[in-house]
């Protein structure tokens, strides 16, 4: 049994070793042993991932580990806490902005979706995404293109989306705070972190 436990946590020959190795993330608690196999399968899938767990359980560490060992590991890892976006800057933060699109906008800026192009975008607290932004977010996931605020030009983006939440998004859908079709797009693969 000890040899099997050691094998579960020693994937160095299979997926490579980095600072953010399996042991660094998941440690040795008995409840986490089976999660290593789940995470390894999720990494190979490459689909959108929803990480669900209480605040402080390490969802951000799991997201970074998934990125570090995925096919897009050579691309950027762009983490962002959605609850930290000021409402007045939310659209330009996510989608980018063209020069002159709002007062004080003196240059073009990339949004998070463009910054993550070729890598992974990790959106923590996705349940806090304002309802007014959800249709635009959904369109990016469906079409793979982003249009900066104040621009008509559509830019192709390709990234792996990893979302995290500490609340039930299904309850948010029932209460009208979260779109059901957006939940369908981001809840393709789910990993619950205790």
N, C-alpha and C. Protein backbone atom coordinates (compact mmCIF):
# COMPACT_ATOMS: atom_id res chain seq x y z
N UNK A 1 0.82 -1.20 0.00
CA UNK A 1 0.00 0.00 0.00
C UNK A 1 0.87 1.26 0.00
N UNK A 2 1.94 1.26 0.76
CA UNK A 2 2.82 2.43 0.81
C UNK A 2 3.43 2.70 -0.55
N UNK A 3 3.82 1.65 -1.28
CA UNK A 3 4.37 1.83 -2.63
C UNK A 3 3.34 2.46 -3.56
N UNK A 4 2.09 2.05 -3.45
CA UNK A 4 1.03 2.61 -4.29
C UNK A 4 0.81 4.08 -3.96
N UNK A 5 0.82 4.44 -2.67
CA UNK A 5 0.66 5.84 -2.28
C UNK A 5 1.81 6.68 -2.82
N UNK A 6 3.02 6.15 -2.74
CA UNK A 6 4.18 6.88 -3.25
C UNK A 6 4.05 7.06 -4.76
N UNK A 7 3.59 6.02 -5.49
CA UNK A 7 3.42 6.12 -6.92
C UNK A 7 2.39 7.20 -7.29
N UNK A 8 1.31 7.27 -6.52
CA UNK A 8 0.28 8.26 -6.80
C UNK A 8 0.81 9.69 -6.72
N UNK A 9 1.81 9.92 -5.87
CA UNK A 9 2.32 11.26 -5.69
C UNK A 9 3.63 11.51 -6.40
N UNK A 10 4.16 10.53 -7.10
CA UNK A 10 5.43 10.71 -7.77
C UNK A 10 5.24 10.51 -9.27
N UNK A 11 4.78 11.56 -9.93
CA UNK A 11 4.52 11.51 -11.36
C UNK A 11 5.67 12.08 -12.17
N UNK A 12 6.83 12.28 -11.55
CA UNK A 12 7.95 12.94 -12.22
C UNK A 12 8.27 12.38 -13.58
N UNK A 13 8.28 11.08 -13.75
CA UNK A 13 8.61 10.48 -15.03
C UNK A 13 7.50 10.60 -16.06
N UNK A 14 6.29 10.89 -15.64
CA UNK A 14 5.16 10.91 -16.55
C UNK A 14 4.81 12.31 -17.05
N UNK A 15 4.85 13.29 -16.17
CA UNK A 15 4.41 14.62 -16.59
C UNK A 15 5.46 15.70 -16.35
N UNK A 16 6.61 15.33 -15.88
CA UNK A 16 7.65 16.33 -15.65
C UNK A 16 7.57 16.88 -14.24
N UNK A 17 8.69 17.38 -13.77
CA UNK A 17 8.77 17.91 -12.42
C UNK A 17 8.99 19.40 -12.50
N UNK A 18 8.28 20.16 -11.71
CA UNK A 18 8.48 21.60 -11.64
C UNK A 18 8.36 22.03 -10.19
N UNK A 19 8.58 23.29 -9.94
CA UNK A 19 8.41 23.82 -8.59
C UNK A 19 7.02 23.53 -8.08
N UNK A 20 6.04 23.60 -8.96
CA UNK A 20 4.66 23.34 -8.59
C UNK A 20 4.32 21.87 -8.86
N UNK A 21 5.07 20.96 -8.27
CA UNK A 21 4.83 19.54 -8.45
C UNK A 21 3.62 19.07 -7.66
N UNK A 22 3.27 17.82 -7.85
CA UNK A 22 2.08 17.26 -7.21
C UNK A 22 2.15 17.36 -5.70
N UNK A 23 3.30 17.02 -5.11
CA UNK A 23 3.41 17.04 -3.66
C UNK A 23 3.22 18.47 -3.13
N UNK A 24 3.75 19.44 -3.85
CA UNK A 24 3.64 20.83 -3.42
C UNK A 24 2.18 21.24 -3.31
N UNK A 25 1.36 20.78 -4.22
CA UNK A 25 -0.04 21.16 -4.24
C UNK A 25 -0.90 20.36 -3.30
N UNK A 26 -0.76 19.06 -3.38
CA UNK A 26 -1.76 18.21 -2.76
C UNK A 26 -1.33 17.54 -1.47
N UNK A 27 -0.05 17.52 -1.18
CA UNK A 27 0.39 16.94 0.06
C UNK A 27 0.01 15.48 0.18
N UNK A 28 -0.18 15.03 1.40
CA UNK A 28 -0.43 13.62 1.63
C UNK A 28 -1.73 13.29 2.35
N UNK A 29 -2.65 14.23 2.57
CA UNK A 29 -3.87 13.86 3.29
C UNK A 29 -4.62 12.73 2.58
N UNK A 30 -5.14 11.81 3.35
CA UNK A 30 -5.81 10.65 2.77
C UNK A 30 -6.96 11.05 1.86
N UNK A 31 -7.70 12.08 2.20
CA UNK A 31 -8.83 12.50 1.40
C UNK A 31 -8.45 13.04 0.03
N UNK A 32 -7.18 13.39 -0.14
CA UNK A 32 -6.74 13.97 -1.40
C UNK A 32 -6.12 12.94 -2.34
N UNK A 33 -5.85 11.75 -1.89
CA UNK A 33 -5.14 10.78 -2.72
C UNK A 33 -5.86 10.52 -4.03
N UNK A 34 -7.15 10.33 -4.00
CA UNK A 34 -7.89 10.06 -5.23
C UNK A 34 -7.98 11.28 -6.11
N UNK A 35 -7.85 12.48 -5.56
CA UNK A 35 -7.94 13.70 -6.33
C UNK A 35 -6.77 13.83 -7.32
N UNK A 36 -5.63 13.28 -6.97
CA UNK A 36 -4.48 13.35 -7.87
C UNK A 36 -4.82 12.71 -9.21
N UNK A 37 -5.48 11.56 -9.16
CA UNK A 37 -5.86 10.89 -10.40
C UNK A 37 -6.89 11.72 -11.17
N UNK A 38 -7.83 12.34 -10.45
CA UNK A 38 -8.81 13.21 -11.10
C UNK A 38 -8.13 14.37 -11.80
N UNK A 39 -7.20 15.01 -11.11
CA UNK A 39 -6.50 16.16 -11.68
C UNK A 39 -5.68 15.74 -12.88
N UNK A 40 -5.03 14.59 -12.82
CA UNK A 40 -4.23 14.12 -13.96
C UNK A 40 -5.12 13.92 -15.18
N UNK A 41 -6.30 13.36 -15.00
CA UNK A 41 -7.23 13.18 -16.12
C UNK A 41 -7.72 14.52 -16.65
N UNK A 42 -8.00 15.46 -15.77
CA UNK A 42 -8.47 16.79 -16.17
C UNK A 42 -7.42 17.52 -16.98
N UNK A 43 -6.18 17.38 -16.60
CA UNK A 43 -5.09 18.05 -17.33
C UNK A 43 -5.07 17.60 -18.78
N UNK A 44 -5.25 16.32 -19.00
CA UNK A 44 -5.22 15.78 -20.37
C UNK A 44 -6.42 16.25 -21.18
N UNK A 45 -7.55 16.47 -20.54
CA UNK A 45 -8.77 16.84 -21.26
C UNK A 45 -8.64 18.17 -21.99
N UNK A 46 -8.08 19.18 -21.35
CA UNK A 46 -7.92 20.49 -21.97
C UNK A 46 -9.20 21.31 -22.07
N UNK A 47 -10.28 20.84 -21.46
CA UNK A 47 -11.57 21.55 -21.51
C UNK A 47 -11.63 22.59 -20.40
N UNK A 48 -12.66 23.40 -20.44
CA UNK A 48 -12.91 24.36 -19.38
C UNK A 48 -13.12 23.61 -18.06
N UNK A 49 -12.53 24.16 -17.01
CA UNK A 49 -12.54 23.49 -15.71
C UNK A 49 -13.16 24.41 -14.67
N UNK A 50 -14.07 23.88 -13.88
CA UNK A 50 -14.64 24.60 -12.73
C UNK A 50 -14.12 23.94 -11.47
N UNK A 51 -13.44 24.73 -10.64
CA UNK A 51 -12.93 24.24 -9.36
C UNK A 51 -13.85 24.80 -8.28
N UNK A 52 -14.40 23.89 -7.48
CA UNK A 52 -15.37 24.28 -6.45
C UNK A 52 -14.81 23.91 -5.09
N UNK A 53 -14.89 24.86 -4.16
CA UNK A 53 -14.42 24.60 -2.80
C UNK A 53 -14.54 25.83 -1.94
N UNK A 54 -14.41 25.62 -0.64
CA UNK A 54 -14.51 26.72 0.31
C UNK A 54 -13.32 27.67 0.14
N UNK A 55 -13.47 28.88 0.62
CA UNK A 55 -12.38 29.85 0.60
C UNK A 55 -11.20 29.31 1.39
N UNK A 56 -10.02 29.46 0.84
CA UNK A 56 -8.81 29.03 1.52
C UNK A 56 -8.43 27.58 1.34
N UNK A 57 -9.14 26.84 0.48
CA UNK A 57 -8.84 25.41 0.33
C UNK A 57 -7.77 25.14 -0.73
N UNK A 58 -7.31 26.16 -1.44
CA UNK A 58 -6.23 25.97 -2.41
C UNK A 58 -6.68 25.86 -3.85
N UNK A 59 -7.83 26.42 -4.18
CA UNK A 59 -8.31 26.36 -5.57
C UNK A 59 -7.32 27.01 -6.52
N UNK A 60 -6.69 28.10 -6.09
CA UNK A 60 -5.71 28.78 -6.94
C UNK A 60 -4.48 27.92 -7.18
N UNK A 61 -4.07 27.17 -6.19
CA UNK A 61 -2.92 26.27 -6.36
C UNK A 61 -3.24 25.14 -7.32
N UNK A 62 -4.45 24.60 -7.22
CA UNK A 62 -4.87 23.55 -8.14
C UNK A 62 -4.93 24.09 -9.57
N UNK A 63 -5.45 25.30 -9.73
CA UNK A 63 -5.52 25.92 -11.07
C UNK A 63 -4.13 26.08 -11.66
N UNK A 64 -3.18 26.55 -10.87
CA UNK A 64 -1.80 26.72 -11.36
C UNK A 64 -1.18 25.36 -11.71
N UNK A 65 -1.45 24.35 -10.90
CA UNK A 65 -0.92 23.03 -11.18
C UNK A 65 -1.49 22.49 -12.49
N UNK A 66 -2.78 22.66 -12.70
CA UNK A 66 -3.41 22.20 -13.94
C UNK A 66 -2.73 22.89 -15.12
N UNK A 67 -2.52 24.19 -15.03
CA UNK A 67 -1.85 24.91 -16.12
C UNK A 67 -0.42 24.41 -16.32
N UNK A 68 0.35 24.29 -15.24
CA UNK A 68 1.77 23.93 -15.31
C UNK A 68 2.00 22.56 -15.97
N UNK A 69 1.01 21.69 -15.88
CA UNK A 69 1.18 20.33 -16.42
C UNK A 69 0.28 20.06 -17.63
N UNK A 70 -0.23 21.12 -18.24
CA UNK A 70 -1.14 20.96 -19.36
C UNK A 70 -0.43 21.23 -20.68
N UNK A 71 -1.08 20.93 -21.78
CA UNK A 71 -0.48 21.22 -23.09
C UNK A 71 -0.21 22.71 -23.34
N UNK A 72 -0.86 23.60 -22.59
CA UNK A 72 -0.63 25.05 -22.78
C UNK A 72 0.32 25.63 -21.74
N UNK A 73 1.09 24.77 -21.08
CA UNK A 73 2.00 25.21 -20.01
C UNK A 73 3.03 26.23 -20.49
N UNK A 74 3.39 26.19 -21.75
CA UNK A 74 4.38 27.15 -22.26
C UNK A 74 3.76 28.54 -22.47
N UNK A 75 2.44 28.62 -22.45
CA UNK A 75 1.75 29.90 -22.59
C UNK A 75 1.58 30.56 -21.23
N UNK A 76 0.99 31.75 -21.21
CA UNK A 76 0.83 32.48 -19.95
C UNK A 76 -0.24 31.87 -19.04
N UNK A 77 -0.04 32.04 -17.76
CA UNK A 77 -1.06 31.72 -16.77
C UNK A 77 -1.52 33.07 -16.22
N UNK A 78 -2.77 33.42 -16.48
CA UNK A 78 -3.30 34.73 -16.10
C UNK A 78 -4.36 34.54 -15.02
N UNK A 79 -3.98 34.75 -13.75
CA UNK A 79 -4.96 34.62 -12.67
C UNK A 79 -5.62 35.96 -12.38
N UNK A 80 -6.91 35.93 -12.07
CA UNK A 80 -7.61 37.16 -11.73
C UNK A 80 -8.81 36.85 -10.86
N UNK A 81 -9.00 37.65 -9.81
CA UNK A 81 -10.14 37.50 -8.93
C UNK A 81 -11.26 38.41 -9.43
N UNK A 82 -12.32 37.82 -9.91
CA UNK A 82 -13.43 38.57 -10.51
C UNK A 82 -14.07 39.53 -9.51
N UNK A 83 -14.08 39.20 -8.24
CA UNK A 83 -14.71 40.06 -7.25
C UNK A 83 -13.93 41.36 -7.04
N UNK A 84 -12.71 41.44 -7.55
CA UNK A 84 -11.88 42.64 -7.39
C UNK A 84 -12.04 43.66 -8.52
N UNK A 85 -12.85 43.36 -9.51
CA UNK A 85 -13.01 44.28 -10.64
C UNK A 85 -13.95 45.41 -10.24
N UNK A 86 -13.46 46.67 -10.25
CA UNK A 86 -14.39 47.78 -10.02
C UNK A 86 -15.40 47.83 -11.17
N UNK A 87 -16.65 48.06 -10.86
CA UNK A 87 -17.70 48.02 -11.88
C UNK A 87 -17.40 48.94 -13.06
N UNK A 88 -16.80 50.10 -12.78
CA UNK A 88 -16.52 51.07 -13.85
C UNK A 88 -15.41 50.60 -14.79
N UNK A 89 -14.57 49.66 -14.35
CA UNK A 89 -13.47 49.18 -15.18
C UNK A 89 -13.63 47.72 -15.61
N UNK A 90 -14.74 47.11 -15.27
CA UNK A 90 -14.92 45.68 -15.51
C UNK A 90 -14.80 45.32 -16.99
N UNK A 91 -15.46 46.05 -17.85
CA UNK A 91 -15.45 45.71 -19.27
C UNK A 91 -14.06 45.85 -19.87
N UNK A 92 -13.36 46.95 -19.58
CA UNK A 92 -12.03 47.13 -20.15
C UNK A 92 -11.03 46.14 -19.55
N UNK A 93 -11.22 45.77 -18.28
CA UNK A 93 -10.33 44.80 -17.65
C UNK A 93 -10.45 43.44 -18.34
N UNK A 94 -11.66 43.00 -18.58
CA UNK A 94 -11.88 41.68 -19.19
C UNK A 94 -11.61 41.67 -20.69
N UNK A 95 -12.13 42.67 -21.40
CA UNK A 95 -12.13 42.64 -22.86
C UNK A 95 -11.07 43.53 -23.51
N UNK A 96 -10.45 44.43 -22.74
CA UNK A 96 -9.49 45.37 -23.30
C UNK A 96 -10.20 46.63 -23.79
N UNK A 97 -9.41 47.60 -24.21
CA UNK A 97 -10.02 48.86 -24.68
C UNK A 97 -9.18 49.47 -25.78
N UNK A 98 -9.87 50.16 -26.68
CA UNK A 98 -9.21 50.90 -27.76
C UNK A 98 -8.83 52.28 -27.24
N UNK A 99 -7.87 52.88 -27.88
CA UNK A 99 -7.44 54.24 -27.51
C UNK A 99 -8.64 55.19 -27.65
N UNK A 100 -8.86 56.00 -26.61
CA UNK A 100 -9.94 56.98 -26.64
C UNK A 100 -11.33 56.42 -26.37
N UNK A 101 -11.42 55.17 -25.95
CA UNK A 101 -12.74 54.56 -25.74
C UNK A 101 -13.44 55.10 -24.49
N UNK A 102 -12.69 55.67 -23.58
CA UNK A 102 -13.28 56.30 -22.41
C UNK A 102 -12.31 57.38 -21.93
N UNK A 103 -12.77 58.26 -21.08
CA UNK A 103 -11.95 59.36 -20.59
C UNK A 103 -10.70 58.81 -19.91
N UNK A 104 -9.56 59.27 -20.34
CA UNK A 104 -8.30 58.81 -19.77
C UNK A 104 -7.68 57.63 -20.49
N UNK A 105 -8.35 57.09 -21.49
CA UNK A 105 -7.82 55.97 -22.25
C UNK A 105 -6.92 56.50 -23.36
N UNK A 106 -5.63 56.53 -23.11
CA UNK A 106 -4.68 57.13 -24.05
C UNK A 106 -3.99 56.12 -24.95
N UNK A 107 -4.19 54.84 -24.70
CA UNK A 107 -3.57 53.81 -25.54
C UNK A 107 -4.44 52.57 -25.56
N UNK A 108 -4.18 51.71 -26.52
CA UNK A 108 -4.89 50.43 -26.58
C UNK A 108 -4.38 49.52 -25.47
N UNK A 109 -5.28 48.79 -24.87
CA UNK A 109 -4.88 47.83 -23.84
C UNK A 109 -5.54 46.48 -24.09
N UNK A 110 -4.80 45.45 -23.82
CA UNK A 110 -5.34 44.09 -23.90
C UNK A 110 -6.14 43.81 -22.64
N UNK A 111 -7.19 43.05 -22.81
CA UNK A 111 -7.95 42.56 -21.66
C UNK A 111 -7.42 41.21 -21.22
N UNK A 112 -8.01 40.66 -20.19
CA UNK A 112 -7.55 39.38 -19.66
C UNK A 112 -7.62 38.25 -20.68
N UNK A 113 -8.66 38.27 -21.52
CA UNK A 113 -8.80 37.20 -22.51
C UNK A 113 -7.63 37.21 -23.51
N UNK A 114 -7.23 38.38 -23.95
CA UNK A 114 -6.09 38.48 -24.86
C UNK A 114 -4.78 38.16 -24.16
N UNK A 115 -4.65 38.60 -22.91
CA UNK A 115 -3.43 38.31 -22.15
C UNK A 115 -3.22 36.80 -22.00
N UNK A 116 -4.30 36.06 -21.89
CA UNK A 116 -4.22 34.61 -21.68
C UNK A 116 -4.11 33.83 -22.99
N UNK A 117 -4.11 34.50 -24.11
CA UNK A 117 -4.07 33.82 -25.41
C UNK A 117 -2.88 32.86 -25.47
N UNK A 118 -3.17 31.61 -25.80
CA UNK A 118 -2.12 30.58 -25.88
C UNK A 118 -1.82 29.93 -24.56
N UNK A 119 -2.52 30.31 -23.50
CA UNK A 119 -2.28 29.75 -22.17
C UNK A 119 -3.57 29.48 -21.44
N UNK A 120 -3.57 29.81 -20.14
CA UNK A 120 -4.73 29.57 -19.29
C UNK A 120 -5.17 30.86 -18.62
N UNK A 121 -6.48 31.07 -18.58
CA UNK A 121 -7.08 32.17 -17.85
C UNK A 121 -7.77 31.59 -16.63
N UNK A 122 -7.33 32.00 -15.44
CA UNK A 122 -7.93 31.52 -14.20
C UNK A 122 -8.75 32.65 -13.60
N UNK A 123 -10.06 32.47 -13.58
CA UNK A 123 -10.98 33.45 -13.00
C UNK A 123 -11.51 32.93 -11.67
N UNK A 124 -10.98 33.49 -10.60
CA UNK A 124 -11.41 33.12 -9.26
C UNK A 124 -12.69 33.88 -8.92
N UNK A 125 -13.55 33.27 -8.15
CA UNK A 125 -14.82 33.86 -7.75
C UNK A 125 -15.68 34.22 -8.96
N UNK A 126 -15.80 33.31 -9.90
CA UNK A 126 -16.55 33.54 -11.14
C UNK A 126 -18.01 33.87 -10.86
N UNK A 127 -18.53 33.43 -9.74
CA UNK A 127 -19.91 33.72 -9.39
C UNK A 127 -20.18 35.20 -9.14
N UNK A 128 -19.11 35.99 -8.99
CA UNK A 128 -19.24 37.43 -8.77
C UNK A 128 -19.30 38.22 -10.07
N UNK A 129 -19.22 37.55 -11.22
CA UNK A 129 -19.26 38.24 -12.50
C UNK A 129 -20.61 38.94 -12.66
N UNK A 130 -20.58 40.24 -12.93
CA UNK A 130 -21.80 41.04 -13.04
C UNK A 130 -22.69 40.51 -14.17
N UNK A 131 -23.99 40.44 -13.94
CA UNK A 131 -24.92 39.94 -14.97
C UNK A 131 -24.80 40.67 -16.31
N UNK A 132 -24.48 41.95 -16.30
CA UNK A 132 -24.37 42.71 -17.55
C UNK A 132 -23.19 42.25 -18.40
N UNK A 133 -22.16 41.65 -17.78
CA UNK A 133 -20.98 41.19 -18.53
C UNK A 133 -21.11 39.74 -18.99
N UNK A 134 -22.02 39.00 -18.41
CA UNK A 134 -22.13 37.58 -18.70
C UNK A 134 -22.44 37.26 -20.16
N UNK A 135 -23.30 38.01 -20.86
CA UNK A 135 -23.53 37.69 -22.28
C UNK A 135 -22.28 37.88 -23.14
N UNK A 136 -21.48 38.90 -22.87
CA UNK A 136 -20.24 39.13 -23.63
C UNK A 136 -19.23 38.03 -23.35
N UNK A 137 -19.15 37.62 -22.09
CA UNK A 137 -18.26 36.55 -21.69
C UNK A 137 -18.66 35.26 -22.40
N UNK A 138 -19.96 34.98 -22.41
CA UNK A 138 -20.48 33.79 -23.08
C UNK A 138 -20.13 33.81 -24.56
N UNK A 139 -20.27 34.95 -25.20
CA UNK A 139 -19.96 35.06 -26.63
C UNK A 139 -18.50 34.73 -26.91
N UNK A 140 -17.59 35.17 -26.05
CA UNK A 140 -16.17 34.87 -26.23
C UNK A 140 -15.95 33.36 -26.14
N UNK A 141 -16.60 32.72 -25.19
CA UNK A 141 -16.45 31.27 -25.05
C UNK A 141 -17.01 30.53 -26.26
N UNK A 142 -18.10 31.02 -26.80
CA UNK A 142 -18.74 30.36 -27.95
C UNK A 142 -17.98 30.59 -29.24
N UNK A 143 -17.51 31.80 -29.47
CA UNK A 143 -16.92 32.16 -30.76
C UNK A 143 -15.39 32.21 -30.77
N UNK A 144 -14.79 32.35 -29.60
CA UNK A 144 -13.33 32.44 -29.55
C UNK A 144 -12.78 33.75 -30.08
N UNK A 145 -13.58 34.81 -30.02
CA UNK A 145 -13.12 36.13 -30.45
C UNK A 145 -13.51 37.15 -29.38
N UNK A 146 -12.68 38.20 -29.27
CA UNK A 146 -12.94 39.27 -28.32
C UNK A 146 -12.91 40.60 -29.07
N UNK A 147 -13.78 41.51 -28.66
CA UNK A 147 -13.81 42.86 -29.22
C UNK A 147 -13.55 43.83 -28.08
N UNK A 148 -12.48 44.60 -28.23
CA UNK A 148 -12.13 45.56 -27.18
C UNK A 148 -13.18 46.66 -27.08
N UNK A 149 -13.32 47.21 -25.90
CA UNK A 149 -14.22 48.33 -25.66
C UNK A 149 -13.84 49.49 -26.57
N UNK A 150 -14.81 50.00 -27.32
CA UNK A 150 -14.56 51.13 -28.22
C UNK A 150 -13.98 50.74 -29.56
N UNK A 151 -13.94 49.46 -29.88
CA UNK A 151 -13.37 48.99 -31.14
C UNK A 151 -14.39 48.13 -31.86
N UNK A 152 -14.25 48.03 -33.16
CA UNK A 152 -15.11 47.13 -33.94
C UNK A 152 -14.33 45.89 -34.38
N UNK A 153 -13.02 45.92 -34.20
CA UNK A 153 -12.17 44.81 -34.65
C UNK A 153 -12.29 43.61 -33.71
N UNK A 154 -12.53 42.45 -34.30
CA UNK A 154 -12.63 41.21 -33.54
C UNK A 154 -11.28 40.51 -33.56
N UNK A 155 -10.81 40.10 -32.41
CA UNK A 155 -9.50 39.44 -32.28
C UNK A 155 -9.71 38.00 -31.81
N UNK A 156 -9.09 37.07 -32.51
CA UNK A 156 -9.20 35.66 -32.17
C UNK A 156 -8.40 35.38 -30.90
N UNK A 157 -8.98 34.62 -30.00
CA UNK A 157 -8.29 34.21 -28.78
C UNK A 157 -8.48 32.71 -28.58
N UNK A 158 -7.45 32.09 -28.03
CA UNK A 158 -7.48 30.66 -27.76
C UNK A 158 -6.80 30.45 -26.41
N UNK A 159 -7.56 30.04 -25.43
CA UNK A 159 -7.03 29.86 -24.08
C UNK A 159 -7.83 28.77 -23.39
N UNK A 160 -7.23 28.23 -22.33
CA UNK A 160 -7.97 27.29 -21.49
C UNK A 160 -8.53 28.08 -20.33
N UNK A 161 -9.82 27.96 -20.11
CA UNK A 161 -10.48 28.67 -19.03
C UNK A 161 -10.57 27.77 -17.81
N UNK A 162 -10.10 28.31 -16.69
CA UNK A 162 -10.23 27.64 -15.40
C UNK A 162 -10.95 28.62 -14.48
N UNK A 163 -12.08 28.20 -13.95
CA UNK A 163 -12.86 29.06 -13.06
C UNK A 163 -12.90 28.43 -11.67
N UNK A 164 -13.06 29.28 -10.67
CA UNK A 164 -13.20 28.78 -9.31
C UNK A 164 -14.34 29.52 -8.62
N UNK A 165 -14.98 28.82 -7.72
CA UNK A 165 -16.06 29.44 -6.95
C UNK A 165 -16.18 28.75 -5.60
N UNK A 166 -16.67 29.50 -4.63
CA UNK A 166 -16.93 28.92 -3.32
C UNK A 166 -18.43 28.87 -3.05
N UNK A 167 -19.22 29.15 -4.06
CA UNK A 167 -20.68 29.13 -3.91
C UNK A 167 -21.30 28.21 -4.96
N UNK A 168 -22.54 27.88 -4.74
CA UNK A 168 -23.27 27.05 -5.69
C UNK A 168 -23.75 27.93 -6.85
N UNK A 169 -23.19 27.72 -8.02
CA UNK A 169 -23.62 28.50 -9.19
C UNK A 169 -25.02 28.09 -9.63
N UNK A 170 -25.41 26.88 -9.34
CA UNK A 170 -26.77 26.45 -9.67
C UNK A 170 -27.79 27.27 -8.87
N UNK A 171 -27.48 27.56 -7.62
CA UNK A 171 -28.37 28.41 -6.83
C UNK A 171 -28.37 29.84 -7.38
N UNK A 172 -27.21 30.30 -7.85
CA UNK A 172 -27.13 31.64 -8.45
C UNK A 172 -27.97 31.70 -9.73
N UNK A 173 -28.00 30.60 -10.48
CA UNK A 173 -28.84 30.54 -11.68
C UNK A 173 -30.31 30.62 -11.27
N UNK A 174 -30.68 29.87 -10.25
CA UNK A 174 -32.07 29.86 -9.77
C UNK A 174 -32.52 31.24 -9.28
N UNK A 175 -31.59 31.98 -8.70
CA UNK A 175 -31.94 33.31 -8.18
C UNK A 175 -31.77 34.41 -9.23
N UNK A 176 -31.35 34.05 -10.44
CA UNK A 176 -31.23 35.03 -11.52
C UNK A 176 -29.95 35.82 -11.52
N UNK A 177 -28.96 35.44 -10.72
CA UNK A 177 -27.69 36.16 -10.65
C UNK A 177 -26.65 35.63 -11.64
N UNK A 178 -26.90 34.46 -12.18
CA UNK A 178 -25.94 33.83 -13.09
C UNK A 178 -26.72 33.16 -14.22
N UNK A 179 -26.22 33.31 -15.44
CA UNK A 179 -26.90 32.75 -16.61
C UNK A 179 -26.73 31.24 -16.67
N UNK A 180 -27.81 30.54 -16.97
CA UNK A 180 -27.76 29.08 -17.09
C UNK A 180 -26.88 28.65 -18.26
N UNK A 181 -26.95 29.39 -19.39
CA UNK A 181 -26.13 29.00 -20.54
C UNK A 181 -24.65 29.24 -20.30
N UNK A 182 -24.30 30.23 -19.49
CA UNK A 182 -22.90 30.44 -19.13
C UNK A 182 -22.42 29.34 -18.19
N UNK A 183 -23.26 28.96 -17.24
CA UNK A 183 -22.91 27.85 -16.35
C UNK A 183 -22.65 26.59 -17.16
N UNK A 184 -23.48 26.34 -18.15
CA UNK A 184 -23.31 25.18 -19.02
C UNK A 184 -21.93 25.19 -19.69
N UNK A 185 -21.45 26.38 -20.08
CA UNK A 185 -20.16 26.51 -20.77
C UNK A 185 -18.96 26.37 -19.83
N UNK A 186 -19.11 26.80 -18.58
CA UNK A 186 -17.94 26.75 -17.68
C UNK A 186 -17.92 25.53 -16.78
N UNK A 187 -18.99 24.79 -16.72
CA UNK A 187 -19.06 23.61 -15.83
C UNK A 187 -18.90 22.33 -16.64
N UNK A 188 -17.95 22.32 -17.57
CA UNK A 188 -17.72 21.14 -18.41
C UNK A 188 -17.02 20.06 -17.61
N UNK A 189 -15.92 20.43 -16.97
CA UNK A 189 -15.23 19.53 -16.05
C UNK A 189 -15.28 20.19 -14.68
N UNK A 190 -15.54 19.43 -13.65
CA UNK A 190 -15.62 19.99 -12.30
C UNK A 190 -14.69 19.22 -11.37
N UNK A 191 -13.99 19.98 -10.55
CA UNK A 191 -13.15 19.38 -9.52
C UNK A 191 -13.53 20.02 -8.20
N UNK A 192 -13.97 19.20 -7.27
CA UNK A 192 -14.33 19.71 -5.94
C UNK A 192 -13.15 19.52 -5.03
N UNK A 193 -12.71 20.64 -4.43
CA UNK A 193 -11.56 20.60 -3.53
C UNK A 193 -12.06 20.72 -2.10
N UNK A 194 -11.75 19.73 -1.26
CA UNK A 194 -12.25 19.77 0.14
C UNK A 194 -11.54 20.83 0.97
